[in-house]
Amino acid sequence: IYMAHYIIMTIILWGAWNMLPHEKFADIFPVLVIVVIVVTLFMAAILHYGLERPARRWLTGLLTR
């Protein structure tokens, strides 16, 4: 989560802020927060299984030789 949340939050909220009228942005802000949370959890899972776990196995292999 720590690797993904800020980037995702920035992209989604900044994009919505620039693409929508500001009154509409304020109206859908709670929905945007939920979208940020869901996308962050999804990306965190992908990063965990696709990056962190393989890197941990690789480093463990290097250190146990």
N, C-alpha and C. Protein backbone atom coordinates (compact mmCIF):
# COMPACT_ATOMS: atom_id res chain seq x y z
N ILE A 1 0.83 -1.20 0.00
CA ILE A 1 0.00 0.00 0.00
C ILE A 1 0.87 1.26 0.00
N TYR A 2 1.95 1.23 0.79
CA TYR A 2 2.79 2.42 0.90
C TYR A 2 3.46 2.76 -0.42
N MET A 3 3.68 1.78 -1.30
CA MET A 3 4.33 2.05 -2.58
C MET A 3 3.35 2.60 -3.62
N ALA A 4 2.07 2.38 -3.42
CA ALA A 4 1.10 2.71 -4.47
C ALA A 4 0.17 3.86 -4.12
N HIS A 5 -0.14 4.07 -2.86
CA HIS A 5 -1.26 4.94 -2.53
C HIS A 5 -1.08 6.39 -2.98
N TYR A 6 0.08 6.94 -2.82
CA TYR A 6 0.24 8.36 -3.15
C TYR A 6 0.13 8.59 -4.65
N ILE A 7 0.75 7.72 -5.43
CA ILE A 7 0.71 7.86 -6.89
C ILE A 7 -0.73 7.72 -7.39
N ILE A 8 -1.42 6.71 -6.92
CA ILE A 8 -2.80 6.48 -7.36
C ILE A 8 -3.71 7.62 -6.92
N MET A 9 -3.55 8.03 -5.68
CA MET A 9 -4.37 9.13 -5.17
C MET A 9 -4.14 10.39 -5.99
N THR A 10 -2.91 10.68 -6.29
CA THR A 10 -2.58 11.88 -7.06
C THR A 10 -3.16 11.81 -8.46
N ILE A 11 -2.98 10.67 -9.13
CA ILE A 11 -3.48 10.54 -10.51
C ILE A 11 -5.00 10.68 -10.56
N ILE A 12 -5.70 9.95 -9.69
CA ILE A 12 -7.16 9.97 -9.74
C ILE A 12 -7.72 11.34 -9.32
N LEU A 13 -7.27 11.85 -8.20
CA LEU A 13 -7.83 13.12 -7.73
C LEU A 13 -7.40 14.30 -8.60
N TRP A 14 -6.15 14.33 -9.01
CA TRP A 14 -5.69 15.42 -9.88
C TRP A 14 -6.40 15.36 -11.23
N GLY A 15 -6.54 14.14 -11.77
CA GLY A 15 -7.24 14.00 -13.04
C GLY A 15 -8.68 14.45 -12.95
N ALA A 16 -9.37 14.03 -11.90
CA ALA A 16 -10.76 14.44 -11.72
C ALA A 16 -10.86 15.95 -11.50
N TRP A 17 -9.95 16.51 -10.74
CA TRP A 17 -9.97 17.94 -10.46
C TRP A 17 -9.82 18.75 -11.76
N ASN A 18 -8.97 18.26 -12.65
CA ASN A 18 -8.72 18.98 -13.91
C ASN A 18 -9.76 18.71 -14.98
N MET A 19 -10.45 17.58 -14.91
CA MET A 19 -11.39 17.23 -15.96
C MET A 19 -12.83 17.63 -15.64
N LEU A 20 -13.14 17.80 -14.37
CA LEU A 20 -14.52 18.09 -13.98
C LEU A 20 -14.67 19.52 -13.51
N PRO A 21 -15.86 20.07 -13.66
CA PRO A 21 -16.11 21.36 -12.99
C PRO A 21 -15.97 21.16 -11.48
N HIS A 22 -15.48 22.15 -10.80
CA HIS A 22 -15.15 22.01 -9.38
C HIS A 22 -16.37 21.68 -8.51
N GLU A 23 -17.54 22.14 -8.91
CA GLU A 23 -18.76 21.79 -8.15
C GLU A 23 -19.05 20.30 -8.29
N LYS A 24 -18.86 19.77 -9.48
CA LYS A 24 -19.09 18.34 -9.72
C LYS A 24 -18.03 17.50 -8.98
N PHE A 25 -16.80 17.98 -8.95
CA PHE A 25 -15.73 17.30 -8.22
C PHE A 25 -16.11 17.16 -6.74
N ALA A 26 -16.61 18.23 -6.17
CA ALA A 26 -17.02 18.20 -4.76
C ALA A 26 -18.16 17.22 -4.54
N ASP A 27 -19.08 17.13 -5.51
CA ASP A 27 -20.21 16.21 -5.38
C ASP A 27 -19.77 14.74 -5.41
N ILE A 28 -18.80 14.42 -6.26
CA ILE A 28 -18.41 13.01 -6.40
C ILE A 28 -17.15 12.66 -5.60
N PHE A 29 -16.67 13.58 -4.79
CA PHE A 29 -15.45 13.31 -4.02
C PHE A 29 -15.54 12.04 -3.18
N PRO A 30 -16.64 11.77 -2.47
CA PRO A 30 -16.71 10.52 -1.70
C PRO A 30 -16.56 9.27 -2.59
N VAL A 31 -17.11 9.31 -3.78
CA VAL A 31 -16.96 8.19 -4.71
C VAL A 31 -15.51 8.07 -5.14
N LEU A 32 -14.86 9.19 -5.39
CA LEU A 32 -13.45 9.17 -5.78
C LEU A 32 -12.58 8.57 -4.68
N VAL A 33 -12.90 8.86 -3.44
CA VAL A 33 -12.14 8.29 -2.32
C VAL A 33 -12.28 6.77 -2.31
N ILE A 34 -13.47 6.28 -2.53
CA ILE A 34 -13.68 4.83 -2.59
C ILE A 34 -12.91 4.22 -3.76
N VAL A 35 -12.93 4.89 -4.90
CA VAL A 35 -12.17 4.41 -6.06
C VAL A 35 -10.68 4.37 -5.75
N VAL A 36 -10.17 5.40 -5.10
CA VAL A 36 -8.75 5.43 -4.73
C VAL A 36 -8.43 4.25 -3.82
N ILE A 37 -9.27 3.97 -2.85
CA ILE A 37 -9.02 2.86 -1.92
C ILE A 37 -9.02 1.53 -2.65
N VAL A 38 -10.01 1.31 -3.50
CA VAL A 38 -10.11 0.03 -4.22
C VAL A 38 -8.92 -0.16 -5.17
N VAL A 39 -8.60 0.87 -5.94
CA VAL A 39 -7.48 0.77 -6.88
C VAL A 39 -6.17 0.59 -6.12
N THR A 40 -6.00 1.28 -5.00
CA THR A 40 -4.79 1.14 -4.20
C THR A 40 -4.64 -0.29 -3.68
N LEU A 41 -5.71 -0.87 -3.17
CA LEU A 41 -5.63 -2.24 -2.68
C LEU A 41 -5.31 -3.22 -3.81
N PHE A 42 -5.90 -3.01 -4.97
CA PHE A 42 -5.62 -3.85 -6.13
C PHE A 42 -4.15 -3.74 -6.54
N MET A 43 -3.65 -2.53 -6.66
CA MET A 43 -2.26 -2.32 -7.05
C MET A 43 -1.29 -2.82 -5.98
N ALA A 44 -1.66 -2.68 -4.72
CA ALA A 44 -0.82 -3.18 -3.64
C ALA A 44 -0.69 -4.70 -3.73
N ALA A 45 -1.77 -5.38 -4.06
CA ALA A 45 -1.71 -6.84 -4.21
C ALA A 45 -0.82 -7.22 -5.39
N ILE A 46 -0.97 -6.51 -6.50
CA ILE A 46 -0.12 -6.79 -7.66
C ILE A 46 1.35 -6.55 -7.32
N LEU A 47 1.66 -5.45 -6.67
CA LEU A 47 3.04 -5.17 -6.29
C LEU A 47 3.58 -6.18 -5.29
N HIS A 48 2.74 -6.61 -4.36
CA HIS A 48 3.19 -7.57 -3.36
C HIS A 48 3.55 -8.90 -4.00
N TYR A 49 2.65 -9.42 -4.83
CA TYR A 49 2.89 -10.73 -5.44
C TYR A 49 3.83 -10.67 -6.64
N GLY A 50 3.87 -9.54 -7.33
CA GLY A 50 4.69 -9.45 -8.52
C GLY A 50 6.07 -8.85 -8.31
N LEU A 51 6.27 -8.13 -7.21
CA LEU A 51 7.55 -7.46 -6.98
C LEU A 51 8.17 -7.84 -5.63
N GLU A 52 7.42 -7.64 -4.55
CA GLU A 52 8.00 -7.83 -3.23
C GLU A 52 8.34 -9.29 -2.93
N ARG A 53 7.42 -10.21 -3.20
CA ARG A 53 7.69 -11.62 -2.91
C ARG A 53 8.83 -12.18 -3.77
N PRO A 54 8.83 -11.93 -5.10
CA PRO A 54 9.98 -12.42 -5.88
C PRO A 54 11.31 -11.78 -5.43
N ALA A 55 11.29 -10.51 -5.09
CA ALA A 55 12.51 -9.85 -4.63
C ALA A 55 12.98 -10.45 -3.31
N ARG A 56 12.06 -10.77 -2.43
CA ARG A 56 12.42 -11.39 -1.15
C ARG A 56 13.04 -12.77 -1.37
N ARG A 57 12.44 -13.56 -2.28
CA ARG A 57 13.02 -14.88 -2.58
C ARG A 57 14.41 -14.75 -3.18
N TRP A 58 14.58 -13.80 -4.09
CA TRP A 58 15.87 -13.59 -4.73
C TRP A 58 16.93 -13.17 -3.70
N LEU A 59 16.58 -12.22 -2.85
CA LEU A 59 17.53 -11.76 -1.83
C LEU A 59 17.83 -12.86 -0.82
N THR A 60 16.84 -13.63 -0.43
CA THR A 60 17.06 -14.73 0.50
C THR A 60 18.01 -15.76 -0.13
N GLY A 61 17.84 -16.02 -1.41
CA GLY A 61 18.73 -16.94 -2.11
C GLY A 61 20.17 -16.42 -2.14
N LEU A 62 20.33 -15.13 -2.35
CA LEU A 62 21.68 -14.55 -2.35
C LEU A 62 22.35 -14.62 -0.97
N LEU A 63 21.56 -14.40 0.06
CA LEU A 63 22.12 -14.35 1.41
C LEU A 63 22.36 -15.71 2.03
N THR A 64 21.74 -16.75 1.49
CA THR A 64 21.90 -18.08 2.09
C THR A 64 22.91 -18.94 1.34
N ARG A 65 23.62 -18.37 0.40
CA ARG A 65 24.64 -19.14 -0.34
C ARG A 65 25.88 -19.30 0.47
